[in-house]
Amino acid sequence: MEEAKTQAAVLMVPLPCQSHLNQLLQLSGVISSRGIPVHFVGTATHNRQVRLRSHGLKLNAIHFHDLPTLPIDAPAPDPHAADKVPMHLAPATLAYAGLREQIGLLAQKLSHTTTRLVVVYDRMGAEAVRDAVAVPNAESYSFNCLSAFNLFLILWEVMGKPFQLCDAMLEKLPSVREFIPEGALYFSASENILEREGDIHNTVRLIDEAYIGLMGRQEISGGKKQWAIRSRGFLLERESSDEYCLNWLDRQPPKSVIYVSFGTTTSFRDEEYAEIAMGLEESGQKFVWVVREADRADIFAGGAEGRRIKLPEGFEERVKERGIVVRGWAPQMGILGHPSTGGFMSHCGWNSCLESLTEGVPMAAWPMHSDQPINAIFVTEVLGVGVEVREWGRSLEVVKAEAVKDAVVRLMASEEGEGIRRRAAEVGAAVRKSLDEGGESCMEIERFVAHITRLDH
């Protein structure tokens, strides 16, 4: 007897970079929680990585498909490099294109068990799914890991600015080529994107509505349907590894702590770590500082977390009453959502920006590369919920302790910072309301689920 088919099943195809893996895993959790089978495909190494770092996400409803781990020609993080763009990202993206045939075969197999196979692929990894989207009962959606603001600016410029913008501030922004390597621009450009049903943006309409609308224009996306899908996350009970950090936060006054973290792709020199340490110490503010080396292409190779970062002698002892250093992985969502956290010094990766915006935590923006400078502009100039640590035009200079101190004090202990913190709290409350049951973001998820499970095919 033939097995009954599901109305829809979803095949998720991420890129092998933590920020991209995490976003599609979160989306997998959102969709699988609605009872739709979700198949997450990647190399065994990167599937292991995303599961290890899932931090409380319910994974039992997600089907992981481990493909052979590919050799990725990429050096270890170089803290002395003037350009902070991780050297393994482009090779990793190209390596995943080599999985095209295997992903296509998996799509063929899955297509026999469902009426509609929904292929969701990272926009920068379209080459890997060319065979999968050709399956007769498949329909596909590109997934955008950037803000709609960011991706729109990239496409608008790459396409020759096909129409004028009403926003004078946007017209005055520097070229995206000042921030983003040409290779990354190619992977983001529309001519590299497959024919598809629509685009999914990891954002909320409340903060990105105007740019989602611009993304939907014929000149930019061919008029494709634009979806904004974001959950607040699936954080469950505290894990044992989180206890030290979160217990310390439990003992601090409300909104008194600045969280300092620069993501998974930033590598600093010892000199730079020393300047940050001195700046935090001289600010007089409470802090949680995550100190870790950038990820390798394979985080399980070469000693896992890489070199142990050296901080100034005696620093941790001197600041132990008002600050802690976390070496390794930190529970970022738990920290940002904690009542004692009042600010976030960040590299401005879009995951971090969204998590901070959702919890109403203002930011000290310190972008390092790629999309991050544009995200910093969005946070500080468009939304008005952050301060700048340094001008992008001085990005090749070492940021001195005085600049770190000034940014922390401005955000945490100044009249200017008070207004920014108030604005961030208002944005956070509105975003959380939109993510709650019945809110606009929640309804967007339901509309997308209804769309992919529709009866016409």
Protein backbone atom coordinates (compact mmCIF):
# COMPACT_ATOMS: atom_id res chain seq x y z
CA MET A 1 0.00 0.00 0.00
CA GLU A 2 1.40 3.39 -1.02
CA GLU A 3 2.31 5.65 1.88
CA ALA A 4 0.12 8.75 2.19
CA LYS A 5 1.78 11.96 1.03
CA THR A 6 2.10 15.12 3.10
CA GLN A 7 0.65 18.29 1.61
CA ALA A 8 4.03 20.01 1.90
CA ALA A 9 7.55 19.28 3.08
CA VAL A 10 10.41 21.76 3.32
CA LEU A 11 14.03 21.26 2.27
CA MET A 12 16.35 23.80 3.94
CA VAL A 13 19.73 24.45 2.30
CA PRO A 14 21.97 26.84 4.31
CA LEU A 15 25.50 28.13 3.85
CA PRO A 16 28.32 26.74 6.03
CA CYS A 17 28.78 29.86 8.18
CA GLN A 18 27.41 30.11 11.72
CA SER A 19 25.29 33.22 11.18
CA HIS A 20 23.69 31.70 8.07
CA LEU A 21 23.30 28.22 9.58
CA ASN A 22 21.63 29.66 12.66
CA GLN A 23 19.08 31.70 10.74
CA LEU A 24 17.86 28.77 8.64
CA LEU A 25 17.78 26.54 11.73
CA GLN A 26 15.57 29.10 13.47
CA LEU A 27 13.30 29.18 10.41
CA SER A 28 13.24 25.37 10.46
CA GLY A 29 12.04 25.52 14.05
CA VAL A 30 9.30 28.00 13.16
CA ILE A 31 7.96 25.86 10.30
CA SER A 32 8.35 22.45 11.95
CA SER A 33 6.41 23.76 14.98
CA ARG A 34 3.44 24.09 12.60
CA GLY A 35 3.53 20.36 11.87
CA ILE A 36 5.29 20.57 8.51
CA PRO A 37 8.18 18.14 7.89
CA VAL A 38 11.46 20.07 7.62
CA HIS A 39 14.62 18.53 6.16
CA PHE A 40 17.86 20.40 6.95
CA VAL A 41 20.70 19.45 4.63
CA GLY A 42 24.41 20.14 4.95
CA THR A 43 27.74 18.47 5.48
CA ALA A 44 28.06 16.27 8.55
CA THR A 45 30.49 18.80 10.04
CA HIS A 46 28.24 21.82 9.65
CA ASN A 47 25.12 20.00 10.76
CA ARG A 48 27.04 18.96 13.86
CA GLN A 49 28.06 22.60 14.36
CA VAL A 50 24.56 24.03 14.09
CA ARG A 51 23.14 21.38 16.43
CA LEU A 52 25.88 22.01 18.98
CA ARG A 53 25.14 25.73 18.98
CA SER A 54 21.35 25.47 18.81
CA HIS A 55 21.15 26.57 22.46
CA GLY A 56 17.77 25.25 23.53
CA LEU A 57 16.07 24.99 20.13
CA LYS A 58 13.78 21.98 19.83
CA LEU A 59 15.46 19.83 17.20
CA ASN A 60 13.49 16.59 17.44
CA ALA A 61 11.02 17.70 14.74
CA ILE A 62 13.77 18.62 12.25
CA HIS A 63 15.25 15.93 9.99
CA PHE A 64 18.98 16.43 9.48
CA HIS A 65 20.61 15.02 6.35
CA ASP A 66 24.39 14.73 6.72
CA LEU A 67 26.28 14.87 3.44
CA PRO A 68 30.00 14.05 3.22
CA THR A 69 32.16 16.79 4.68
CA LEU A 70 33.96 18.68 1.94
CA PRO A 71 37.55 19.90 2.14
CA ILE A 72 37.46 23.70 2.30
CA ASP A 73 40.69 25.44 1.38
CA ALA A 74 40.77 28.14 4.03
CA PRO A 75 43.44 29.39 6.42
CA ALA A 76 43.04 29.81 10.16
CA PRO A 77 41.79 33.22 11.36
CA ASP A 78 44.48 35.86 11.04
CA PRO A 79 44.26 38.46 13.83
CA HIS A 80 46.89 40.60 12.05
CA ALA A 81 44.95 40.94 8.79
CA ALA A 82 43.97 44.53 8.03
CA ASP A 83 40.84 43.28 6.23
CA LYS A 84 38.52 41.61 8.73
CA VAL A 85 36.56 39.65 6.09
CA PRO A 86 36.96 35.94 7.03
CA MET A 87 39.04 34.17 4.40
CA HIS A 88 37.03 30.94 4.57
CA LEU A 89 33.62 32.34 3.63
CA ALA A 90 34.09 32.44 -0.15
CA PRO A 91 35.78 28.99 -0.35
CA ALA A 92 33.04 27.52 1.86
CA THR A 93 30.31 28.96 -0.36
CA LEU A 94 31.97 27.59 -3.48
CA ALA A 95 32.52 24.21 -1.83
CA TYR A 96 28.82 23.88 -1.04
CA ALA A 97 28.05 24.38 -4.73
CA GLY A 98 29.78 21.00 -5.16
CA LEU A 99 26.90 19.39 -3.26
CA ARG A 100 24.47 20.29 -6.04
CA GLU A 101 24.02 16.74 -7.38
CA GLN A 102 23.57 15.15 -3.94
CA ILE A 103 21.07 17.81 -2.86
CA GLY A 104 19.20 17.25 -6.12
CA LEU A 105 19.01 13.50 -5.50
CA LEU A 106 17.70 14.11 -1.98
CA ALA A 107 15.07 16.47 -3.38
CA GLN A 108 13.99 13.81 -5.87
CA LYS A 109 13.61 11.30 -3.05
CA LEU A 110 11.64 13.66 -0.83
CA SER A 111 9.41 14.72 -3.71
CA HIS A 112 7.83 11.25 -3.79
CA THR A 113 6.51 11.64 -0.23
CA THR A 114 4.88 15.06 -0.53
CA THR A 115 2.49 16.91 -2.78
CA ARG A 116 4.68 20.00 -2.74
CA LEU A 117 8.41 20.14 -1.99
CA VAL A 118 9.31 23.61 -0.74
CA VAL A 119 13.01 24.36 -1.27
CA VAL A 120 14.30 27.20 0.90
CA TYR A 121 17.90 28.10 0.09
CA ASP A 122 20.34 30.73 1.27
CA ARG A 123 20.39 33.49 -1.32
CA MET A 124 24.18 33.31 -1.57
CA GLY A 125 24.11 29.54 -2.17
CA ALA A 126 21.77 29.31 -5.14
CA GLU A 127 24.18 27.17 -7.15
CA ALA A 128 23.82 24.29 -4.68
CA VAL A 129 20.08 23.89 -5.34
CA ARG A 130 19.88 24.19 -9.12
CA ASP A 131 18.98 20.50 -9.47
CA ALA A 132 16.67 20.49 -6.44
CA VAL A 133 14.46 23.34 -7.67
CA ALA A 134 14.07 21.55 -11.02
CA VAL A 135 12.12 18.71 -9.37
CA PRO A 136 8.61 18.77 -10.95
CA ASN A 137 6.63 19.33 -7.73
CA ALA A 138 9.14 21.71 -6.16
CA GLU A 139 8.73 25.42 -5.59
CA SER A 140 11.54 27.51 -4.19
CA TYR A 141 12.18 30.55 -2.02
CA SER A 142 15.45 32.40 -1.60
CA PHE A 143 16.30 33.22 2.02
CA ASN A 144 17.94 36.54 2.81
CA CYS A 145 20.21 36.60 5.88
CA LEU A 146 20.62 40.39 5.66
CA SER A 147 18.15 43.07 6.64
CA ALA A 148 15.84 44.11 3.81
CA PHE A 149 17.41 47.58 4.17
CA ASN A 150 20.83 46.07 3.52
CA LEU A 151 19.93 43.77 0.64
CA PHE A 152 17.87 46.47 -1.07
CA LEU A 153 20.78 48.93 -1.00
CA ILE A 154 23.08 46.27 -2.48
CA LEU A 155 20.72 45.34 -5.30
CA TRP A 156 19.68 48.92 -6.01
CA GLU A 157 23.31 49.87 -6.57
CA VAL A 158 24.41 46.71 -8.37
CA MET A 159 21.46 47.12 -10.76
CA GLY A 160 22.49 50.67 -11.58
CA LYS A 161 20.00 52.50 -9.31
CA PRO A 162 17.03 51.81 -11.62
CA PHE A 163 14.75 54.32 -9.87
CA GLN A 164 15.08 57.31 -7.58
CA LEU A 165 14.54 57.09 -3.85
CA CYS A 166 12.46 59.54 -1.86
CA ASP A 167 14.70 59.16 1.19
CA ALA A 168 17.48 61.79 1.01
CA MET A 169 19.55 59.94 3.62
CA LEU A 170 19.69 56.79 1.47
CA GLU A 171 20.78 58.79 -1.56
CA LYS A 172 23.73 60.17 0.43
CA LEU A 173 25.03 56.82 1.69
CA PRO A 174 28.47 55.72 0.46
CA SER A 175 28.74 53.01 -2.15
CA VAL A 176 28.14 49.48 -0.87
CA ARG A 177 31.40 48.60 -2.61
CA GLU A 178 33.20 50.39 0.21
CA PHE A 179 31.95 47.70 2.57
CA ILE A 180 31.27 44.51 0.65
CA PRO A 181 33.74 42.52 -1.51
CA GLU A 182 32.83 42.13 -5.18
CA GLY A 183 32.55 38.35 -4.74
CA ALA A 184 29.87 38.75 -2.10
CA LEU A 185 28.06 41.29 -4.27
CA TYR A 186 27.97 38.73 -7.08
CA PHE A 187 26.46 36.05 -4.85
CA SER A 188 23.80 38.53 -3.67
CA ALA A 189 22.93 39.92 -7.10
CA SER A 190 19.59 39.04 -8.66
CA GLU A 191 21.07 37.61 -11.85
CA ASN A 192 22.59 34.85 -9.71
CA ILE A 193 19.22 33.98 -8.11
CA LEU A 194 17.08 31.20 -9.50
CA GLU A 195 13.52 31.48 -10.72
CA ARG A 196 11.48 31.22 -7.53
CA GLU A 197 8.11 31.71 -5.90
CA GLY A 198 9.31 34.49 -3.61
CA ASP A 199 11.85 35.77 -1.13
CA ILE A 200 12.01 35.27 2.64
CA HIS A 201 13.65 37.93 4.79
CA ASN A 202 14.89 37.28 8.30
CA THR A 203 13.37 40.45 9.73
CA VAL A 204 10.14 42.00 10.98
CA ARG A 205 8.01 44.38 8.97
CA LEU A 206 7.77 46.78 11.89
CA ILE A 207 11.38 47.90 11.34
CA ASP A 208 11.97 46.93 7.69
CA GLU A 209 8.59 47.52 6.03
CA ALA A 210 9.69 50.27 3.63
CA TYR A 211 12.62 48.23 2.33
CA ILE A 212 10.61 45.01 2.02
CA GLY A 213 8.27 47.04 -0.16
CA LEU A 214 11.17 48.28 -2.27
CA MET A 215 12.51 44.72 -2.52
CA GLY A 216 9.20 43.68 -4.05
CA ARG A 217 9.44 46.13 -6.94
CA GLN A 218 9.66 44.74 -10.46
CA GLU A 219 13.07 46.33 -11.05
CA ILE A 220 14.59 44.61 -8.00
CA SER A 221 12.97 41.18 -7.61
CA GLY A 222 10.77 40.87 -10.65
CA GLY A 223 7.76 41.59 -8.45
CA LYS A 224 8.17 38.38 -6.44
CA LYS A 225 6.26 37.92 -3.20
CA GLN A 226 8.24 39.13 -0.19
CA TRP A 227 7.88 37.44 3.20
CA ALA A 228 9.25 38.73 6.53
CA ILE A 229 9.58 35.75 8.85
CA ARG A 230 11.15 36.06 12.25
CA SER A 231 10.50 34.26 15.51
CA ARG A 232 11.59 35.41 18.92
CA GLY A 233 13.51 32.17 19.26
CA PHE A 234 12.97 28.87 20.99
CA LEU A 235 15.08 29.35 24.10
CA LEU A 236 14.08 26.82 26.74
CA GLU A 237 15.44 26.33 30.24
CA ARG A 238 18.94 27.48 31.04
CA GLU A 239 21.64 25.02 30.09
CA SER A 240 24.28 24.15 32.67
CA SER A 241 26.98 25.86 30.59
CA ASP A 242 25.06 29.15 30.88
CA GLU A 243 24.76 29.22 34.64
CA TYR A 244 27.91 31.17 35.56
CA CYS A 245 27.14 34.06 33.23
CA LEU A 246 23.41 34.28 33.85
CA ASN A 247 23.74 33.81 37.60
CA TRP A 248 26.18 36.73 37.66
CA LEU A 249 23.66 38.84 35.75
CA ASP A 250 20.97 37.86 38.28
CA ARG A 251 22.95 39.75 40.94
CA GLN A 252 23.25 43.03 38.99
CA PRO A 253 20.86 46.02 39.00
CA PRO A 254 18.41 46.38 36.09
CA LYS A 255 19.84 47.75 32.82
CA SER A 256 23.28 48.23 34.39
CA VAL A 257 25.41 45.84 32.29
CA ILE A 258 26.82 46.27 28.79
CA TYR A 259 27.25 43.04 26.85
CA VAL A 260 30.32 43.01 24.58
CA SER A 261 30.58 40.45 21.80
CA PHE A 262 31.88 40.52 18.23
CA GLY A 263 30.36 37.38 16.74
CA THR A 264 31.91 34.32 15.16
CA THR A 265 33.98 35.88 12.36
CA THR A 266 36.01 38.60 14.12
CA SER A 267 39.67 38.07 14.97
CA PHE A 268 41.54 40.75 16.99
CA ARG A 269 45.23 41.20 17.67
CA ASP A 270 46.40 41.08 21.29
CA GLU A 271 46.99 44.83 21.07
CA GLU A 272 43.34 45.38 20.13
CA TYR A 273 42.10 43.17 22.96
CA ALA A 274 44.24 45.22 25.34
CA GLU A 275 42.64 48.47 24.16
CA ILE A 276 39.13 47.05 24.59
CA ALA A 277 40.04 45.82 28.07
CA MET A 278 41.39 49.22 29.10
CA GLY A 279 38.37 50.99 27.65
CA LEU A 280 35.95 48.78 29.56
CA GLU A 281 37.93 49.17 32.76
CA GLU A 282 38.15 52.96 32.46
CA SER A 283 34.43 53.32 31.63
CA GLY A 284 33.47 52.32 35.17
CA GLN A 285 30.48 50.38 33.79
CA LYS A 286 29.47 46.79 34.50
CA PHE A 287 30.07 44.40 31.61
CA VAL A 288 29.96 40.86 30.25
CA TRP A 289 32.67 40.46 27.61
CA VAL A 290 32.84 37.44 25.31
CA VAL A 291 36.45 36.79 24.33
CA ARG A 292 36.97 34.13 21.67
CA GLU A 293 38.81 33.52 18.43
CA ALA A 294 36.92 33.62 15.14
CA ASP A 295 35.53 30.40 13.72
CA ARG A 296 37.48 28.28 11.28
CA ALA A 297 35.77 26.77 8.24
CA ASP A 298 35.67 23.58 10.33
CA ILE A 299 35.23 24.57 13.97
CA PHE A 300 36.19 21.05 15.12
CA ALA A 301 39.61 21.18 13.46
CA GLY A 302 42.81 22.66 14.80
CA GLY A 303 41.94 22.91 18.45
CA ALA A 304 38.28 23.89 18.20
CA GLU A 305 38.22 27.45 19.59
CA GLY A 306 41.75 28.31 18.41
CA ARG A 307 44.21 30.43 20.33
CA ARG A 308 43.59 31.48 23.91
CA ILE A 309 43.27 35.25 23.96
CA LYS A 310 45.74 37.13 26.18
CA LEU A 311 44.32 40.02 28.17
CA PRO A 312 46.36 42.61 30.11
CA GLU A 313 47.95 41.19 33.22
CA GLY A 314 45.73 41.57 36.26
CA PHE A 315 42.75 42.87 34.26
CA GLU A 316 40.24 40.21 35.29
CA GLU A 317 41.25 40.50 38.96
CA ARG A 318 40.90 44.30 38.92
CA VAL A 319 37.42 44.28 37.38
CA LYS A 320 36.01 41.19 39.06
CA GLU A 321 33.49 43.19 41.12
CA ARG A 322 31.81 44.71 38.05
CA GLY A 323 32.66 42.63 35.03
CA ILE A 324 33.20 39.09 33.79
CA VAL A 325 35.00 37.61 30.81
CA VAL A 326 33.37 34.67 29.03
CA ARG A 327 35.79 32.60 26.97
CA GLY A 328 34.09 30.54 24.30
CA TRP A 329 30.40 30.27 23.50
CA ALA A 330 27.97 32.53 25.38
CA PRO A 331 24.15 32.35 25.71
CA GLN A 332 23.57 35.55 23.73
CA MET A 333 19.79 35.39 23.63
CA GLY A 334 19.70 34.77 27.36
CA ILE A 335 22.07 37.68 28.01
CA LEU A 336 20.25 40.17 25.80
CA GLY A 337 16.90 39.15 27.27
CA HIS A 338 18.14 39.48 30.86
CA PRO A 339 16.73 42.42 32.89
CA SER A 340 20.24 43.46 33.96
CA THR A 341 21.49 43.99 30.39
CA GLY A 342 21.28 47.63 29.32
CA GLY A 343 23.52 47.82 26.26
CA PHE A 344 25.29 45.77 23.61
CA MET A 345 28.67 46.55 22.00
CA SER A 346 28.47 44.56 18.78
CA HIS A 347 29.99 43.91 15.37
CA CYS A 348 26.48 44.46 13.99
CA GLY A 349 25.91 41.11 12.33
CA TRP A 350 22.23 41.00 11.44
CA ASN A 351 21.46 38.15 13.86
CA SER A 352 22.90 40.18 16.72
CA CYS A 353 21.10 43.34 15.61
CA LEU A 354 17.74 41.57 15.46
CA GLU A 355 18.21 39.91 18.83
CA SER A 356 19.16 43.26 20.38
CA LEU A 357 16.26 45.09 18.73
CA THR A 358 13.81 42.42 19.87
CA GLU A 359 14.90 42.72 23.50
CA GLY A 360 14.97 46.53 23.38
CA VAL A 361 18.73 46.72 24.07
CA PRO A 362 20.53 49.74 22.54
CA MET A 363 23.80 49.15 20.69
CA ALA A 364 27.33 50.49 20.53
CA ALA A 365 27.94 49.75 16.85
CA TRP A 366 31.41 48.54 15.88
CA PRO A 367 31.12 46.90 12.42
CA MET A 368 34.00 44.82 11.06
CA HIS A 369 33.21 43.82 7.46
CA SER A 370 30.67 42.90 4.76
CA ASP A 371 27.07 43.80 5.60
CA GLN A 372 27.92 44.98 9.11
CA PRO A 373 28.69 48.67 8.30
CA ILE A 374 25.30 49.01 6.57
CA ASN A 375 23.60 47.35 9.55
CA ALA A 376 25.36 49.85 11.81
CA ILE A 377 23.96 52.73 9.75
CA PHE A 378 20.49 51.18 10.00
CA VAL A 379 20.76 50.84 13.78
CA THR A 380 22.26 54.24 14.52
CA GLU A 381 20.90 56.57 11.81
CA VAL A 382 17.64 55.00 10.60
CA LEU A 383 16.27 53.45 13.80
CA GLY A 384 18.14 55.70 16.24
CA VAL A 385 18.83 52.94 18.77
CA GLY A 386 22.62 53.00 18.91
CA VAL A 387 25.85 54.97 19.00
CA GLU A 388 28.91 54.61 16.80
CA VAL A 389 32.15 53.30 18.30
CA ARG A 390 34.29 54.50 15.39
CA GLU A 391 33.83 55.98 11.92
CA TRP A 392 34.00 53.41 9.14
CA GLY A 393 36.51 55.59 7.31
CA ARG A 394 38.98 54.79 10.11
CA SER A 395 38.35 51.05 10.01
CA LEU A 396 42.01 50.19 9.38
CA GLU A 397 43.13 51.96 12.55
CA VAL A 398 43.35 50.32 15.96
CA VAL A 399 40.44 51.52 18.09
CA LYS A 400 41.96 53.01 21.21
CA ALA A 401 40.79 52.52 24.78
CA GLU A 402 39.50 56.11 24.93
CA ALA A 403 37.10 55.48 22.02
CA VAL A 404 35.82 52.27 23.64
CA LYS A 405 35.35 54.08 26.96
CA ASP A 406 33.54 57.01 25.31
CA ALA A 407 31.13 54.75 23.43
CA VAL A 408 30.30 52.77 26.57
CA VAL A 409 29.73 55.89 28.66
CA ARG A 410 27.67 57.58 25.93
CA LEU A 411 25.40 54.58 25.71
CA MET A 412 25.16 53.62 29.38
CA ALA A 413 25.65 56.82 31.39
CA SER A 414 24.80 59.97 29.45
CA GLU A 415 21.77 62.10 28.63
CA GLU A 416 22.20 61.19 24.96
CA GLY A 417 22.28 57.52 25.91
CA GLU A 418 19.14 57.88 27.98
CA GLY A 419 17.20 58.97 24.90
CA ILE A 420 18.66 56.14 22.83
CA ARG A 421 17.85 53.59 25.54
CA ARG A 422 14.28 54.89 25.72
CA ARG A 423 13.91 54.62 21.94
CA ALA A 424 15.35 51.09 21.96
CA ALA A 425 12.91 50.04 24.67
CA GLU A 426 9.99 51.36 22.60
CA VAL A 427 11.20 49.52 19.48
CA GLY A 428 11.74 46.32 21.47
CA ALA A 429 8.26 46.42 23.01
CA ALA A 430 6.69 46.91 19.58
CA VAL A 431 8.76 44.13 17.99
CA ARG A 432 7.90 41.68 20.78
CA LYS A 433 4.22 42.54 20.46
CA SER A 434 4.38 41.82 16.73
CA LEU A 435 6.03 38.44 17.47
CA ASP A 436 3.43 37.42 20.05
CA GLU A 437 0.47 35.26 19.08
CA GLY A 438 -1.86 37.36 16.95
CA GLY A 439 0.84 39.96 16.21
CA GLU A 440 1.79 40.99 12.69
CA SER A 441 4.98 38.91 12.57
CA CYS A 442 3.21 35.88 13.95
CA MET A 443 0.47 36.28 11.35
CA GLU A 444 3.08 36.55 8.60
CA ILE A 445 4.34 33.09 9.60
CA GLU A 446 0.80 31.73 9.46
CA ARG A 447 0.24 33.28 6.03
CA PHE A 448 3.43 31.70 4.72
CA VAL A 449 2.47 28.29 6.11
CA ALA A 450 -0.98 28.62 4.56
CA HIS A 451 0.66 29.55 1.26
CA ILE A 452 2.99 26.55 1.05
CA THR A 453 0.25 24.13 2.15
CA ARG A 454 -2.40 25.49 -0.22
CA LEU A 455 -4.36 22.89 -2.14
CA ASP A 456 -3.76 24.23 -5.64
CA HIS A 457 -0.61 22.81 -7.22
